[in-house]
Amino acid sequence: MFGVLVNNLNNFRNWFLAIKARKETVNQLNKLTERELNDIGLSRSDIHYIAEQHYRDILLSNEMKDQRTVKDLNSNLNGWV
């Protein structure tokens, strides 16, 4: 029961951080001028697409972190864990 609660809280935290990052991405890209956007190969219409991709990347990376084991984190422990 406690494990389910912790898992749900972690999922909520990950979702909240991804939403925050998406908003920050949109805000930062909107501050750029047309020329600056053009220099990095973007247009104003790409901003929300880029922010959504960033959101999904964060959720996916956090999901992958949750699935790692101690053995994945430290190869010296192979055979011991």
C-alpha atoms as a PDB file:
ATOM      1  CA  MET A   1       0.000   0.000   0.000  1.00  0.00           C
ATOM      2  CA  PHE A   2       2.767   2.441   0.951  1.00  0.00           C
ATOM      3  CA  GLY A   3       4.687   1.569  -2.217  1.00  0.00           C
ATOM      4  CA  VAL A   4       1.665   2.460  -4.356  1.00  0.00           C
ATOM      5  CA  LEU A   5       1.371   5.833  -2.626  1.00  0.00           C
ATOM      6  CA  VAL A   6       5.067   6.584  -3.125  1.00  0.00           C
ATOM      7  CA  ASN A   7       4.827   5.539  -6.774  1.00  0.00           C
ATOM      8  CA  ASN A   8       1.816   7.801  -7.328  1.00  0.00           C
ATOM      9  CA  LEU A   9       3.590  10.724  -5.651  1.00  0.00           C
ATOM     10  CA  ASN A  10       6.667  10.173  -7.827  1.00  0.00           C
ATOM     11  CA  ASN A  11       4.484  10.046 -10.941  1.00  0.00           C
ATOM     12  CA  PHE A  12       2.778  13.291  -9.926  1.00  0.00           C
ATOM     13  CA  ARG A  13       6.143  14.947  -9.221  1.00  0.00           C
ATOM     14  CA  ASN A  14       7.510  13.846 -12.596  1.00  0.00           C
ATOM     15  CA  TRP A  15       4.382  15.082 -14.366  1.00  0.00           C
ATOM     16  CA  PHE A  16       4.538  18.425 -12.528  1.00  0.00           C
ATOM     17  CA  LEU A  17       8.241  18.909 -13.384  1.00  0.00           C
ATOM     18  CA  ALA A  18       7.552  18.083 -17.042  1.00  0.00           C
ATOM     19  CA  ILE A  19       4.699  20.615 -17.189  1.00  0.00           C
ATOM     20  CA  LYS A  20       6.909  23.248 -15.571  1.00  0.00           C
ATOM     21  CA  ALA A  21       9.695  22.552 -18.080  1.00  0.00           C
ATOM     22  CA  ARG A  22       7.244  22.773 -20.988  1.00  0.00           C
ATOM     23  CA  LYS A  23       6.031  26.191 -19.827  1.00  0.00           C
ATOM     24  CA  GLU A  24       9.595  27.392 -19.302  1.00  0.00           C
ATOM     25  CA  THR A  25      10.565  26.198 -22.792  1.00  0.00           C
ATOM     26  CA  VAL A  26       7.691  28.122 -24.355  1.00  0.00           C
ATOM     27  CA  ASN A  27       8.523  31.246 -22.331  1.00  0.00           C
ATOM     28  CA  GLN A  28      12.218  31.156 -23.200  1.00  0.00           C
ATOM     29  CA  LEU A  29      11.644  30.540 -26.905  1.00  0.00           C
ATOM     30  CA  ASN A  30       8.999  33.281 -27.064  1.00  0.00           C
ATOM     31  CA  LYS A  31      11.565  35.759 -25.729  1.00  0.00           C
ATOM     32  CA  LEU A  32      13.797  35.182 -28.768  1.00  0.00           C
ATOM     33  CA  THR A  33      13.587  37.461 -31.785  1.00  0.00           C
ATOM     34  CA  GLU A  34      12.660  36.188 -35.226  1.00  0.00           C
ATOM     35  CA  ARG A  35      16.305  36.378 -36.234  1.00  0.00           C
ATOM     36  CA  GLU A  36      17.470  34.392 -33.197  1.00  0.00           C
ATOM     37  CA  LEU A  37      14.843  31.736 -33.854  1.00  0.00           C
ATOM     38  CA  ASN A  38      15.889  31.611 -37.502  1.00  0.00           C
ATOM     39  CA  ASP A  39      19.535  31.188 -36.457  1.00  0.00           C
ATOM     40  CA  ILE A  40      18.651  28.010 -34.554  1.00  0.00           C
ATOM     41  CA  GLY A  41      16.404  26.780 -37.339  1.00  0.00           C
ATOM     42  CA  LEU A  42      13.025  27.454 -35.743  1.00  0.00           C
ATOM     43  CA  SER A  43      10.003  29.565 -36.468  1.00  0.00           C
ATOM     44  CA  ARG A  44       7.343  30.807 -34.055  1.00  0.00           C
ATOM     45  CA  SER A  45       5.043  28.011 -35.185  1.00  0.00           C
ATOM     46  CA  ASP A  46       7.604  25.422 -33.997  1.00  0.00           C
ATOM     47  CA  ILE A  47       7.692  26.632 -30.394  1.00  0.00           C
ATOM     48  CA  HIS A  48       4.771  24.617 -29.039  1.00  0.00           C
ATOM     49  CA  TYR A  49       5.900  21.494 -30.897  1.00  0.00           C
ATOM     50  CA  ILE A  50       9.408  21.787 -29.423  1.00  0.00           C
ATOM     51  CA  ALA A  51       7.984  22.382 -25.935  1.00  0.00           C
ATOM     52  CA  GLU A  52       5.707  19.334 -26.245  1.00  0.00           C
ATOM     53  CA  GLN A  53       8.652  17.171 -27.347  1.00  0.00           C
ATOM     54  CA  HIS A  54      10.644  18.434 -24.350  1.00  0.00           C
ATOM     55  CA  TYR A  55       7.704  17.547 -22.070  1.00  0.00           C
ATOM     56  CA  ARG A  56       7.516  14.013 -23.475  1.00  0.00           C
ATOM     57  CA  ASP A  57      11.291  13.546 -23.272  1.00  0.00           C
ATOM     58  CA  ILE A  58      11.255  14.472 -19.581  1.00  0.00           C
ATOM     59  CA  LEU A  59       8.416  12.078 -18.821  1.00  0.00           C
ATOM     60  CA  LEU A  60      10.128   9.287 -20.730  1.00  0.00           C
ATOM     61  CA  SER A  61      13.503   9.864 -19.089  1.00  0.00           C
ATOM     62  CA  ASN A  62      11.903   9.903 -15.629  1.00  0.00           C
ATOM     63  CA  GLU A  63      10.030   6.710 -16.456  1.00  0.00           C
ATOM     64  CA  MET A  64      13.296   5.076 -17.509  1.00  0.00           C
ATOM     65  CA  LYS A  65      14.997   6.257 -14.279  1.00  0.00           C
ATOM     66  CA  ASP A  66      12.248   4.603 -12.231  1.00  0.00           C
ATOM     67  CA  GLN A  67      12.834   1.294 -14.002  1.00  0.00           C
ATOM     68  CA  ARG A  68      16.612   1.166 -13.407  1.00  0.00           C
ATOM     69  CA  THR A  69      18.005  -1.150 -10.784  1.00  0.00           C
ATOM     70  CA  VAL A  70      21.032  -0.822  -8.540  1.00  0.00           C
ATOM     71  CA  LYS A  71      22.930  -3.119 -10.911  1.00  0.00           C
ATOM     72  CA  ASP A  72      22.211  -0.714 -13.803  1.00  0.00           C
ATOM     73  CA  LEU A  73      23.519   2.211 -11.782  1.00  0.00           C
ATOM     74  CA  ASN A  74      26.759   0.574 -10.657  1.00  0.00           C
ATOM     75  CA  SER A  75      28.315  -2.094 -12.862  1.00  0.00           C
ATOM     76  CA  ASN A  76      30.736  -3.008 -10.044  1.00  0.00           C
ATOM     77  CA  LEU A  77      27.816  -4.700  -8.301  1.00  0.00           C
ATOM     78  CA  ASN A  78      27.227  -7.236 -11.103  1.00  0.00           C
ATOM     79  CA  GLY A  79      26.883 -10.657  -9.552  1.00  0.00           C
ATOM     80  CA  TRP A  80      26.245  -9.234  -6.099  1.00  0.00           C
ATOM     81  CA  VAL A  81      22.808  -7.750  -6.578  1.00  0.00           C
END
